[in-house]
PDB file of N, CA and C in Angstrom:
ATOM      1  N   UNK A   1      -2.375  22.679  -4.175  1.00  0.00           N
ATOM      2  CA  UNK A   1      -1.909  21.702  -3.496  1.00  0.00           C
ATOM      3  C   UNK A   1      -0.370  21.392  -4.028  1.00  0.00           C
ATOM      4  N   UNK A   2       0.785  21.648  -3.650  1.00  0.00           N
ATOM      5  CA  UNK A   2       1.725  21.387  -4.255  1.00  0.00           C
ATOM      6  C   UNK A   2       2.448  20.070  -3.734  1.00  0.00           C
ATOM      7  N   UNK A   3       3.516  19.565  -4.469  1.00  0.00           N
ATOM      8  CA  UNK A   3       3.852  17.442  -4.496  1.00  0.00           C
ATOM      9  C   UNK A   3       5.003  18.290  -3.802  1.00  0.00           C
ATOM     10  N   UNK A   4       5.405  16.916  -2.406  1.00  0.00           N
ATOM     11  CA  UNK A   4       6.758  17.459  -1.698  1.00  0.00           C
ATOM     12  C   UNK A   4       7.499  16.931  -2.466  1.00  0.00           C
ATOM     13  N   UNK A   5       8.568  17.374  -2.886  1.00  0.00           N
ATOM     14  CA  UNK A   5      10.010  16.811  -3.958  1.00  0.00           C
ATOM     15  C   UNK A   5      10.355  15.426  -2.779  1.00  0.00           C
ATOM     16  N   UNK A   6      10.598  15.846  -1.647  1.00  0.00           N
ATOM     17  CA  UNK A   6      11.138  14.722  -0.605  1.00  0.00           C
ATOM     18  C   UNK A   6      10.451  13.506  -0.447  1.00  0.00           C
ATOM     19  N   UNK A   7       9.016  13.765  -0.087  1.00  0.00           N
ATOM     20  CA  UNK A   7       8.241  12.694  -0.328  1.00  0.00           C
ATOM     21  C   UNK A   7       8.511  11.777  -1.817  1.00  0.00           C
ATOM     22  N   UNK A   8       7.960  12.979  -2.843  1.00  0.00           N
ATOM     23  CA  UNK A   8       8.326  11.739  -4.170  1.00  0.00           C
ATOM     24  C   UNK A   8       9.467  11.211  -4.194  1.00  0.00           C
ATOM     25  N   UNK A   9      10.699  11.707  -3.772  1.00  0.00           N
ATOM     26  CA  UNK A   9      12.375  11.261  -3.656  1.00  0.00           C
ATOM     27  C   UNK A   9      12.032   9.933  -2.983  1.00  0.00           C
ATOM     28  N   UNK A  10      11.333   9.936  -1.563  1.00  0.00           N
ATOM     29  CA  UNK A  10      11.418   8.717  -0.908  1.00  0.00           C
ATOM     30  C   UNK A  10      10.559   7.657  -1.480  1.00  0.00           C
ATOM     31  N   UNK A  11       9.319   7.938  -2.094  1.00  0.00           N
ATOM     32  CA  UNK A  11       8.653   6.949  -2.842  1.00  0.00           C
ATOM     33  C   UNK A  11       8.820   6.225  -3.789  1.00  0.00           C
ATOM     34  N   UNK A  12      10.178   6.997  -4.624  1.00  0.00           N
ATOM     35  CA  UNK A  12      10.782   6.226  -5.370  1.00  0.00           C
ATOM     36  C   UNK A  12      12.264   5.639  -5.192  1.00  0.00           C
ATOM     37  N   UNK A  13      12.729   6.226  -3.853  1.00  0.00           N
ATOM     38  CA  UNK A  13      13.261   5.404  -3.319  1.00  0.00           C
ATOM     39  C   UNK A  13      13.177   3.913  -2.944  1.00  0.00           C
ATOM     40  N   UNK A  14      11.799   3.576  -2.554  1.00  0.00           N
ATOM     41  CA  UNK A  14      11.024   2.976  -1.948  1.00  0.00           C
ATOM     42  C   UNK A  14      10.931   1.481  -3.077  1.00  0.00           C
ATOM     43  N   UNK A  15      10.115   2.416  -3.866  1.00  0.00           N
ATOM     44  CA  UNK A  15       9.902   1.457  -4.932  1.00  0.00           C
ATOM     45  C   UNK A  15      10.743   0.686  -5.833  1.00  0.00           C
ATOM     46  N   UNK A  16      12.320   1.467  -6.021  1.00  0.00           N
ATOM     47  CA  UNK A  16      13.429   1.220  -6.314  1.00  0.00           C
ATOM     48  C   UNK A  16      14.000  -0.474  -5.713  1.00  0.00           C
ATOM     49  N   UNK A  17      13.835   0.217  -4.142  1.00  0.00           N
ATOM     50  CA  UNK A  17      14.300  -1.309  -3.143  1.00  0.00           C
ATOM     51  C   UNK A  17      13.488  -1.967  -3.434  1.00  0.00           C
ATOM     52  N   UNK A  18      12.476  -1.858  -3.965  1.00  0.00           N
ATOM     53  CA  UNK A  18      11.481  -3.231  -4.080  1.00  0.00           C
ATOM     54  C   UNK A  18      11.424  -3.983  -5.245  1.00  0.00           C
ATOM     55  N   UNK A  19      12.404  -3.114  -6.523  1.00  0.00           N
ATOM     56  CA  UNK A  19      12.510  -3.818  -7.269  1.00  0.00           C
ATOM     57  C   UNK A  19      11.223  -3.613  -8.455  1.00  0.00           C
ATOM     58  N   UNK A  20      10.067  -2.832  -7.897  1.00  0.00           N
ATOM     59  CA  UNK A  20       9.376  -2.518  -8.536  1.00  0.00           C
ATOM     60  C   UNK A  20       9.736  -1.294  -9.831  1.00  0.00           C
ATOM     61  N   UNK A  21      10.883  -0.637 -10.070  1.00  0.00           N
ATOM     62  CA  UNK A  21      11.172   0.257 -10.546  1.00  0.00           C
ATOM     63  C   UNK A  21      12.751   0.287 -11.012  1.00  0.00           C
ATOM     64  N   UNK A  22      13.017   0.765 -12.106  1.00  0.00           N
ATOM     65  CA  UNK A  22      14.907   1.169 -12.560  1.00  0.00           C
ATOM     66  C   UNK A  22      15.379   1.924 -13.016  1.00  0.00           C
ATOM     67  N   UNK A  23      16.085   2.313 -12.835  1.00  0.00           N
ATOM     68  CA  UNK A  23      16.999   3.473 -13.716  1.00  0.00           C
ATOM     69  C   UNK A  23      17.784   2.753 -14.469  1.00  0.00           C
ATOM     70  N   UNK A  24      18.488   4.116 -15.619  1.00  0.00           N
ATOM     71  CA  UNK A  24      19.607   3.224 -16.039  1.00  0.00           C
ATOM     72  C   UNK A  24      20.503   4.797 -15.893  1.00  0.00           C
ATOM     73  N   UNK A  25      22.215   4.483 -15.765  1.00  0.00           N
ATOM     74  CA  UNK A  25      23.011   5.004 -15.403  1.00  0.00           C
ATOM     75  C   UNK A  25      23.108   6.018 -16.765  1.00  0.00           C
ATOM     76  N   UNK A  26      23.144   7.402 -16.410  1.00  0.00           N
ATOM     77  CA  UNK A  26      23.386   8.395 -17.841  1.00  0.00           C
ATOM     78  C   UNK A  26      22.012   8.673 -18.678  1.00  0.00           C
ATOM     79  N   UNK A  27      20.727   7.870 -18.106  1.00  0.00           N
ATOM     80  CA  UNK A  27      19.369   8.191 -18.776  1.00  0.00           C
ATOM     81  C   UNK A  27      18.584   8.724 -17.286  1.00  0.00           C
ATOM     82  N   UNK A  28      18.105   9.685 -17.707  1.00  0.00           N
ATOM     83  CA  UNK A  28      17.059  10.240 -16.742  1.00  0.00           C
ATOM     84  C   UNK A  28      15.681   9.673 -16.803  1.00  0.00           C
ATOM     85  N   UNK A  29      15.006   9.805 -15.664  1.00  0.00           N
ATOM     86  CA  UNK A  29      13.730   8.935 -15.241  1.00  0.00           C
ATOM     87  C   UNK A  29      14.188   7.107 -14.391  1.00  0.00           C
ATOM     88  N   UNK A  30      12.822   6.963 -14.810  1.00  0.00           N
ATOM     89  CA  UNK A  30      12.681   5.273 -13.945  1.00  0.00           C
ATOM     90  C   UNK A  30      12.014   4.670 -15.171  1.00  0.00           C
ATOM     91  N   UNK A  31      12.162   3.235 -15.311  1.00  0.00           N
ATOM     92  CA  UNK A  31      11.101   2.161 -15.901  1.00  0.00           C
ATOM     93  C   UNK A  31      10.791   1.376 -15.019  1.00  0.00           C
ATOM     94  N   UNK A  32       9.137   0.896 -15.188  1.00  0.00           N
ATOM     95  CA  UNK A  32       8.717  -0.483 -14.484  1.00  0.00           C
ATOM     96  C   UNK A  32       9.748  -1.407 -14.888  1.00  0.00           C
ATOM     97  N   UNK A  33       9.614  -2.459 -13.896  1.00  0.00           N
ATOM     98  CA  UNK A  33      10.611  -3.573 -14.137  1.00  0.00           C
ATOM     99  C   UNK A  33       9.721  -4.827 -14.441  1.00  0.00           C
ATOM    100  N   UNK A  34       7.969  -4.190 -14.493  1.00  0.00           N
ATOM    101  CA  UNK A  34       7.477  -5.638 -15.212  1.00  0.00           C
ATOM    102  C   UNK A  34       6.433  -4.192 -15.830  1.00  0.00           C
ATOM    103  N   UNK A  35       5.521  -5.131 -16.747  1.00  0.00           N
ATOM    104  CA  UNK A  35       4.525  -4.571 -17.656  1.00  0.00           C
ATOM    105  C   UNK A  35       3.586  -4.756 -16.270  1.00  0.00           C
ATOM    106  N   UNK A  36       2.689  -3.056 -16.545  1.00  0.00           N
ATOM    107  CA  UNK A  36       1.704  -2.268 -15.526  1.00  0.00           C
ATOM    108  C   UNK A  36       0.314  -3.715 -15.110  1.00  0.00           C
ATOM    109  N   UNK A  37       0.363  -4.677 -16.138  1.00  0.00           N
ATOM    110  CA  UNK A  37      -0.902  -5.544 -15.815  1.00  0.00           C
ATOM    111  C   UNK A  37      -0.280  -6.868 -15.147  1.00  0.00           C
ATOM    112  N   UNK A  38       1.089  -6.710 -14.423  1.00  0.00           N
ATOM    113  CA  UNK A  38       1.759  -7.555 -13.998  1.00  0.00           C
ATOM    114  C   UNK A  38       2.114  -7.302 -12.568  1.00  0.00           C
ATOM    115  N   UNK A  39       1.642  -6.035 -12.620  1.00  0.00           N
ATOM    116  CA  UNK A  39       2.386  -5.517 -10.935  1.00  0.00           C
ATOM    117  C   UNK A  39       0.891  -5.140  -9.988  1.00  0.00           C
ATOM    118  N   UNK A  40       0.937  -5.933  -9.058  1.00  0.00           N
ATOM    119  CA  UNK A  40      -0.110  -5.333  -8.216  1.00  0.00           C
ATOM    120  C   UNK A  40      -0.078  -4.484  -7.505  1.00  0.00           C
ATOM    121  N   UNK A  41      -0.948  -3.894  -7.261  1.00  0.00           N
ATOM    122  CA  UNK A  41      -1.292  -3.064  -5.934  1.00  0.00           C
ATOM    123  C   UNK A  41      -1.262  -3.372  -4.700  1.00  0.00           C
ATOM    124  N   UNK A  42      -1.121  -4.575  -4.387  1.00  0.00           N
ATOM    125  CA  UNK A  42      -0.794  -5.095  -3.298  1.00  0.00           C
ATOM    126  C   UNK A  42       1.155  -5.065  -3.169  1.00  0.00           C
ATOM    127  N   UNK A  43       1.779  -5.474  -4.101  1.00  0.00           N
ATOM    128  CA  UNK A  43       2.955  -5.010  -4.196  1.00  0.00           C
ATOM    129  C   UNK A  43       3.315  -3.347  -4.043  1.00  0.00           C
ATOM    130  N   UNK A  44       2.869  -2.624  -4.482  1.00  0.00           N
ATOM    131  CA  UNK A  44       3.359  -1.506  -4.114  1.00  0.00           C
ATOM    132  C   UNK A  44       2.692  -0.832  -2.883  1.00  0.00           C
ATOM    133  N   UNK A  45       1.621  -1.502  -2.145  1.00  0.00           N
ATOM    134  CA  UNK A  45       1.390  -1.154  -0.964  1.00  0.00           C
ATOM    135  C   UNK A  45       2.483  -1.425  -0.214  1.00  0.00           C
ATOM    136  N   UNK A  46       3.126  -2.458  -0.404  1.00  0.00           N
ATOM    137  CA  UNK A  46       4.255  -3.554   0.578  1.00  0.00           C
ATOM    138  C   UNK A  46       5.462  -2.337  -0.037  1.00  0.00           C
ATOM    139  N   UNK A  47       5.537  -1.807  -0.671  1.00  0.00           N
ATOM    140  CA  UNK A  47       6.969  -1.681  -0.820  1.00  0.00           C
ATOM    141  C   UNK A  47       6.651   0.077  -0.147  1.00  0.00           C
ATOM    142  N   UNK A  48       5.398   0.906  -0.630  1.00  0.00           N
ATOM    143  CA  UNK A  48       5.709   1.993  -0.022  1.00  0.00           C
ATOM    144  C   UNK A  48       5.394   2.156   1.373  1.00  0.00           C
ATOM    145  N   UNK A  49       5.245   1.369   2.055  1.00  0.00           N
ATOM    146  CA  UNK A  49       4.385   1.162   3.218  1.00  0.00           C
ATOM    147  C   UNK A  49       5.305   0.813   4.210  1.00  0.00           C
ATOM    148  N   UNK A  50       6.525  -0.289   2.981  1.00  0.00           N
ATOM    149  CA  UNK A  50       7.315  -0.463   3.981  1.00  0.00           C
ATOM    150  C   UNK A  50       6.805  -2.116   4.989  1.00  0.00           C
ATOM    151  N   UNK A  51       6.124  -2.613   4.539  1.00  0.00           N
ATOM    152  CA  UNK A  51       5.546  -3.840   5.159  1.00  0.00           C
ATOM    153  C   UNK A  51       5.306  -4.681   4.711  1.00  0.00           C
ATOM    154  N   UNK A  52       5.004  -6.140   5.071  1.00  0.00           N
ATOM    155  CA  UNK A  52       5.415  -7.388   4.333  1.00  0.00           C
ATOM    156  C   UNK A  52       3.856  -8.077   4.484  1.00  0.00           C
ATOM    157  N   UNK A  53       2.707  -7.185   5.376  1.00  0.00           N
ATOM    158  CA  UNK A  53       1.324  -7.655   5.341  1.00  0.00           C
ATOM    159  C   UNK A  53       0.425  -6.447   5.339  1.00  0.00           C
ATOM    160  N   UNK A  54      -0.542  -6.103   5.483  1.00  0.00           N
ATOM    161  CA  UNK A  54      -1.387  -5.079   5.539  1.00  0.00           C
ATOM    162  C   UNK A  54      -1.851  -5.179   6.827  1.00  0.00           C
ATOM    163  N   UNK A  55      -1.214  -4.007   7.477  1.00  0.00           N
ATOM    164  CA  UNK A  55      -2.180  -3.610   8.769  1.00  0.00           C
ATOM    165  C   UNK A  55      -2.397  -2.530   9.064  1.00  0.00           C
ATOM    166  N   UNK A  56      -3.937  -2.265   9.451  1.00  0.00           N
ATOM    167  CA  UNK A  56      -4.690  -0.700   8.825  1.00  0.00           C
ATOM    168  C   UNK A  56      -4.567  -0.361  10.605  1.00  0.00           C
ATOM    169  N   UNK A  57      -5.316  -1.567  11.597  1.00  0.00           N
ATOM    170  CA  UNK A  57      -5.936  -1.109  12.757  1.00  0.00           C
ATOM    171  C   UNK A  57      -4.912  -1.430  13.781  1.00  0.00           C
ATOM    172  N   UNK A  58      -4.900  -0.700  14.346  1.00  0.00           N
ATOM    173  CA  UNK A  58      -4.243  -0.709  15.950  1.00  0.00           C
ATOM    174  C   UNK A  58      -4.720  -0.671  17.166  1.00  0.00           C
ATOM    175  N   UNK A  59      -5.000  -1.704  17.713  1.00  0.00           N
ATOM    176  CA  UNK A  59      -5.108  -1.663  19.347  1.00  0.00           C
ATOM    177  C   UNK A  59      -4.238  -1.282  20.516  1.00  0.00           C
ATOM    178  N   UNK A  60      -4.973  -0.401  20.795  1.00  0.00           N
ATOM    179  CA  UNK A  60      -4.356   0.084  21.827  1.00  0.00           C
ATOM    180  C   UNK A  60      -2.956  -1.184  22.618  1.00  0.00           C
ATOM    181  N   UNK A  61      -1.803  -1.083  22.727  1.00  0.00           N
ATOM    182  CA  UNK A  61      -1.175  -2.309  23.725  1.00  0.00           C
ATOM    183  C   UNK A  61      -1.278  -2.158  25.202  1.00  0.00           C
ATOM    184  N   UNK A  62      -1.374  -0.935  25.586  1.00  0.00           N
ATOM    185  CA  UNK A  62      -1.414  -1.007  26.834  1.00  0.00           C
ATOM    186  C   UNK A  62      -2.615  -0.569  27.758  1.00  0.00           C
ATOM    187  N   UNK A  63      -3.468  -1.482  27.393  1.00  0.00           N
ATOM    188  CA  UNK A  63      -5.169  -1.025  28.044  1.00  0.00           C
ATOM    189  C   UNK A  63      -5.204  -1.610  29.438  1.00  0.00           C
ATOM    190  N   UNK A  64      -6.210  -0.899  29.932  1.00  0.00           N
ATOM    191  CA  UNK A  64      -6.372  -1.152  31.516  1.00  0.00           C
ATOM    192  C   UNK A  64      -6.702  -2.883  31.579  1.00  0.00           C
ATOM    193  N   UNK A  65      -6.053  -3.526  32.265  1.00  0.00           N
ATOM    194  CA  UNK A  65      -6.291  -4.762  32.528  1.00  0.00           C
ATOM    195  C   UNK A  65      -7.865  -4.961  33.581  1.00  0.00           C
ATOM    196  N   UNK A  66      -7.707  -4.066  34.262  1.00  0.00           N
ATOM    197  CA  UNK A  66      -9.217  -4.024  35.595  1.00  0.00           C
ATOM    198  C   UNK A  66     -10.106  -3.424  34.742  1.00  0.00           C
ATOM    199  N   UNK A  67     -10.454  -2.861  33.766  1.00  0.00           N
ATOM    200  CA  UNK A  67     -11.439  -2.315  33.130  1.00  0.00           C
ATOM    201  C   UNK A  67     -12.263  -3.543  31.969  1.00  0.00           C
ATOM    202  N   UNK A  68     -13.297  -3.828  32.387  1.00  0.00           N
ATOM    203  CA  UNK A  68     -13.976  -4.838  31.672  1.00  0.00           C
ATOM    204  C   UNK A  68     -14.299  -4.756  29.961  1.00  0.00           C
ATOM    205  N   UNK A  69     -14.066  -3.312  29.873  1.00  0.00           N
ATOM    206  CA  UNK A  69     -13.512  -3.404  28.201  1.00  0.00           C
ATOM    207  C   UNK A  69     -12.197  -3.631  27.852  1.00  0.00           C
ATOM    208  N   UNK A  70     -11.154  -2.974  28.440  1.00  0.00           N
ATOM    209  CA  UNK A  70      -9.887  -2.679  28.145  1.00  0.00           C
ATOM    210  C   UNK A  70      -9.281  -4.156  28.299  1.00  0.00           C
ATOM    211  N   UNK A  71      -9.548  -5.113  28.897  1.00  0.00           N
ATOM    212  CA  UNK A  71      -9.240  -6.436  29.364  1.00  0.00           C
ATOM    213  C   UNK A  71      -9.934  -7.080  28.021  1.00  0.00           C
ATOM    214  N   UNK A  72     -10.657  -7.258  27.473  1.00  0.00           N
ATOM    215  CA  UNK A  72     -11.309  -7.968  26.384  1.00  0.00           C
ATOM    216  C   UNK A  72     -11.259  -7.037  24.792  1.00  0.00           C
ATOM    217  N   UNK A  73     -11.168  -6.063  24.780  1.00  0.00           N
ATOM    218  CA  UNK A  73     -11.126  -5.418  23.855  1.00  0.00           C
ATOM    219  C   UNK A  73     -10.283  -5.992  22.247  1.00  0.00           C
ATOM    220  N   UNK A  74      -9.225  -6.296  22.619  1.00  0.00           N
ATOM    221  CA  UNK A  74      -7.987  -6.856  21.644  1.00  0.00           C
ATOM    222  C   UNK A  74      -8.817  -8.031  21.168  1.00  0.00           C
ATOM    223  N   UNK A  75      -8.992  -9.140  21.850  1.00  0.00           N
ATOM    224  CA  UNK A  75      -9.838 -10.368  21.692  1.00  0.00           C
ATOM    225  C   UNK A  75     -11.056 -10.135  21.237  1.00  0.00           C
ATOM    226  N   UNK A  76     -11.446  -9.062  21.277  1.00  0.00           N
ATOM    227  CA  UNK A  76     -13.141  -8.857  20.491  1.00  0.00           C
ATOM    228  C   UNK A  76     -13.080  -8.232  19.317  1.00  0.00           C
ATOM    229  N   UNK A  77     -12.077  -7.266  18.854  1.00  0.00           N
ATOM    230  CA  UNK A  77     -12.021  -6.553  17.830  1.00  0.00           C
ATOM    231  C   UNK A  77     -10.954  -7.093  16.452  1.00  0.00           C
ATOM    232  N   UNK A  78      -9.678  -8.011  17.317  1.00  0.00           N
ATOM    233  CA  UNK A  78      -9.329  -8.462  16.052  1.00  0.00           C
ATOM    234  C   UNK A  78      -8.881  -9.411  15.371  1.00  0.00           C
ATOM    235  N   UNK A  79     -10.347  -9.935  15.482  1.00  0.00           N
ATOM    236  CA  UNK A  79     -10.865 -11.246  14.303  1.00  0.00           C
ATOM    237  C   UNK A  79     -11.287  -9.531  13.240  1.00  0.00           C
ATOM    238  N   UNK A  80     -12.042  -9.505  13.813  1.00  0.00           N
ATOM    239  CA  UNK A  80     -12.194  -8.341  13.117  1.00  0.00           C
ATOM    240  C   UNK A  80     -11.807  -7.715  11.961  1.00  0.00           C
ATOM    241  N   UNK A  81     -11.006  -6.967  13.061  1.00  0.00           N
ATOM    242  CA  UNK A  81      -9.781  -6.239  12.027  1.00  0.00           C
ATOM    243  C   UNK A  81      -9.204  -7.187  11.012  1.00  0.00           C
ATOM    244  N   UNK A  82      -8.659  -8.393  11.476  1.00  0.00           N
ATOM    245  CA  UNK A  82      -8.254  -9.545  10.746  1.00  0.00           C
ATOM    246  C   UNK A  82      -8.731  -9.665   9.386  1.00  0.00           C
ATOM    247  N   UNK A  83     -10.096 -10.052   9.535  1.00  0.00           N
ATOM    248  CA  UNK A  83     -10.606 -10.589   8.593  1.00  0.00           C
ATOM    249  C   UNK A  83     -10.999  -9.215   7.696  1.00  0.00           C
ATOM    250  N   UNK A  84     -10.775  -7.836   8.265  1.00  0.00           N
ATOM    251  CA  UNK A  84     -10.955  -7.031   7.000  1.00  0.00           C
ATOM    252  C   UNK A  84      -9.607  -6.723   6.337  1.00  0.00           C
ATOM    253  N   UNK A  85      -8.362  -6.938   7.208  1.00  0.00           N
ATOM    254  CA  UNK A  85      -7.260  -6.435   6.187  1.00  0.00           C
ATOM    255  C   UNK A  85      -6.727  -7.906   5.742  1.00  0.00           C
ATOM    256  N   UNK A  86      -7.528  -8.884   5.669  1.00  0.00           N
ATOM    257  CA  UNK A  86      -7.176 -10.097   4.530  1.00  0.00           C
ATOM    258  C   UNK A  86      -8.060  -9.622   3.177  1.00  0.00           C
ATOM    259  N   UNK A  87      -9.309  -9.091   3.681  1.00  0.00           N
ATOM    260  CA  UNK A  87     -10.065  -8.914   2.329  1.00  0.00           C
ATOM    261  C   UNK A  87      -9.300  -7.966   1.419  1.00  0.00           C
ATOM    262  N   UNK A  88      -8.936  -6.579   2.186  1.00  0.00           N
ATOM    263  CA  UNK A  88      -7.982  -5.540   1.527  1.00  0.00           C
ATOM    264  C   UNK A  88      -6.860  -6.382   0.835  1.00  0.00           C
ATOM    265  N   UNK A  89      -6.054  -7.100   1.823  1.00  0.00           N
ATOM    266  CA  UNK A  89      -4.853  -7.393   0.683  1.00  0.00           C
ATOM    267  C   UNK A  89      -5.431  -8.640  -0.612  1.00  0.00           C
ATOM    268  N   UNK A  90      -6.409  -9.384  -0.396  1.00  0.00           N
ATOM    269  CA  UNK A  90      -6.834  -9.978  -1.326  1.00  0.00           C
ATOM    270  C   UNK A  90      -7.525  -8.694  -2.765  1.00  0.00           C
ATOM    271  N   UNK A  91      -8.390  -8.232  -2.408  1.00  0.00           N
ATOM    272  CA  UNK A  91      -8.547  -6.958  -3.332  1.00  0.00           C
ATOM    273  C   UNK A  91      -6.989  -5.989  -4.306  1.00  0.00           C
ATOM    274  N   UNK A  92      -6.399  -5.920  -3.144  1.00  0.00           N
ATOM    275  CA  UNK A  92      -5.382  -4.950  -3.849  1.00  0.00           C
ATOM    276  C   UNK A  92      -4.442  -6.392  -4.371  1.00  0.00           C
ATOM    277  N   UNK A  93      -4.534  -7.070  -4.183  1.00  0.00           N
ATOM    278  CA  UNK A  93      -3.606  -8.684  -4.972  1.00  0.00           C
ATOM    279  C   UNK A  93      -4.261  -8.786  -6.510  1.00  0.00           C
ATOM    280  N   UNK A  94      -5.827  -8.623  -6.388  1.00  0.00           N
ATOM    281  CA  UNK A  94      -6.381  -8.715  -7.680  1.00  0.00           C
ATOM    282  C   UNK A  94      -6.679  -7.494  -8.657  1.00  0.00           C
ATOM    283  N   UNK A  95      -6.160  -6.121  -7.607  1.00  0.00           N
ATOM    284  CA  UNK A  95      -6.166  -5.021  -9.355  1.00  0.00           C
ATOM    285  C   UNK A  95      -4.306  -5.211  -9.813  1.00  0.00           C
ATOM    286  N   UNK A  96      -4.446  -4.351 -10.468  1.00  0.00           N
ATOM    287  CA  UNK A  96      -2.598  -3.877 -11.062  1.00  0.00           C
ATOM    288  C   UNK A  96      -2.831  -2.507 -11.068  1.00  0.00           C
ATOM    289  N   UNK A  97      -1.771  -2.516 -11.985  1.00  0.00           N
ATOM    290  CA  UNK A  97      -1.429  -0.585 -11.831  1.00  0.00           C
ATOM    291  C   UNK A  97      -1.738  -0.459 -13.284  1.00  0.00           C
ATOM    292  N   UNK A  98      -1.867  -2.027 -13.944  1.00  0.00           N
ATOM    293  CA  UNK A  98      -2.594  -1.188 -15.307  1.00  0.00           C
ATOM    294  C   UNK A  98      -4.407  -0.722 -15.291  1.00  0.00           C
ATOM    295  N   UNK A  99      -4.688  -1.494 -14.152  1.00  0.00           N
ATOM    296  CA  UNK A  99      -6.146  -0.811 -13.739  1.00  0.00           C
ATOM    297  C   UNK A  99      -6.280   0.418 -13.353  1.00  0.00           C
ATOM    298  N   UNK A 100      -4.948   0.933 -12.646  1.00  0.00           N
ATOM    299  CA  UNK A 100      -5.037   2.356 -12.075  1.00  0.00           C
ATOM    300  C   UNK A 100      -4.849   3.242 -13.422  1.00  0.00           C
ATOM    301  N   UNK A 101      -3.766   2.954 -14.468  1.00  0.00           N
ATOM    302  CA  UNK A 101      -3.497   4.058 -15.490  1.00  0.00           C
ATOM    303  C   UNK A 101      -5.395   3.635 -16.316  1.00  0.00           C
ATOM    304  N   UNK A 102      -5.831   2.272 -16.390  1.00  0.00           N
ATOM    305  CA  UNK A 102      -7.275   2.503 -17.510  1.00  0.00           C
ATOM    306  C   UNK A 102      -8.093   3.325 -17.015  1.00  0.00           C
ATOM    307  N   UNK A 103      -8.004   3.553 -15.667  1.00  0.00           N
ATOM    308  CA  UNK A 103      -9.080   4.484 -14.735  1.00  0.00           C
ATOM    309  C   UNK A 103      -8.639   5.688 -14.890  1.00  0.00           C
ATOM    310  N   UNK A 104      -7.409   6.013 -15.070  1.00  0.00           N
ATOM    311  CA  UNK A 104      -7.011   7.580 -15.057  1.00  0.00           C
ATOM    312  C   UNK A 104      -7.625   7.670 -16.609  1.00  0.00           C
ATOM    313  N   UNK A 105      -7.341   6.671 -17.502  1.00  0.00           N
ATOM    314  CA  UNK A 105      -7.522   7.254 -18.412  1.00  0.00           C
ATOM    315  C   UNK A 105      -9.126   7.448 -18.685  1.00  0.00           C
ATOM    316  N   UNK A 106      -9.861   6.235 -18.292  1.00  0.00           N
ATOM    317  CA  UNK A 106     -11.483   6.670 -18.104  1.00  0.00           C
ATOM    318  C   UNK A 106     -11.828   8.220 -17.638  1.00  0.00           C
ATOM    319  N   UNK A 107     -11.257   8.099 -16.728  1.00  0.00           N
ATOM    320  CA  UNK A 107     -11.804   9.931 -15.720  1.00  0.00           C
ATOM    321  C   UNK A 107     -11.312  10.759 -16.815  1.00  0.00           C
ATOM    322  N   UNK A 108     -10.235  11.054 -17.265  1.00  0.00           N
ATOM    323  CA  UNK A 108      -9.368  12.152 -17.854  1.00  0.00           C
ATOM    324  C   UNK A 108     -10.582  12.427 -19.340  1.00  0.00           C
ATOM    325  N   UNK A 109     -10.861  11.265 -19.980  1.00  0.00           N
ATOM    326  CA  UNK A 109     -12.140  11.283 -21.228  1.00  0.00           C
ATOM    327  C   UNK A 109     -13.420  12.407 -20.393  1.00  0.00           C
ATOM    328  N   UNK A 110     -13.805  12.152 -19.352  1.00  0.00           N
ATOM    329  CA  UNK A 110     -15.152  13.032 -18.652  1.00  0.00           C
ATOM    330  C   UNK A 110     -14.851  14.201 -18.598  1.00  0.00           C
ATOM    331  N   UNK A 111     -13.538  14.739 -18.845  1.00  0.00           N
ATOM    332  CA  UNK A 111     -12.994  16.175 -18.715  1.00  0.00           C
ATOM    333  C   UNK A 111     -12.584  17.180 -20.101  1.00  0.00           C
TER     334      UNK A 111
END
């Protein structure tokens, strides 16, 4: 499985635009703008998904209002989805890039 270079360039641009990484003129590569233990996964999620909040679930916007399910489905599932998205935001905010680095290191020692 190969890596799509244009996708990597897009992610780098998004991280740079969000101020999470920087580059120096005349030098190749990028640097983090803060220590990995100070960069939350929520910040990275926001930057790479180009959003300001976690939004995972999409309820069909044009439901049939004459259908007994369609009429009430958004109100029925929205509180559940909002709670799950809130929990995910909290978990991503609690985890840092350093946690991922540490996990990668631990995984690499298994092999």
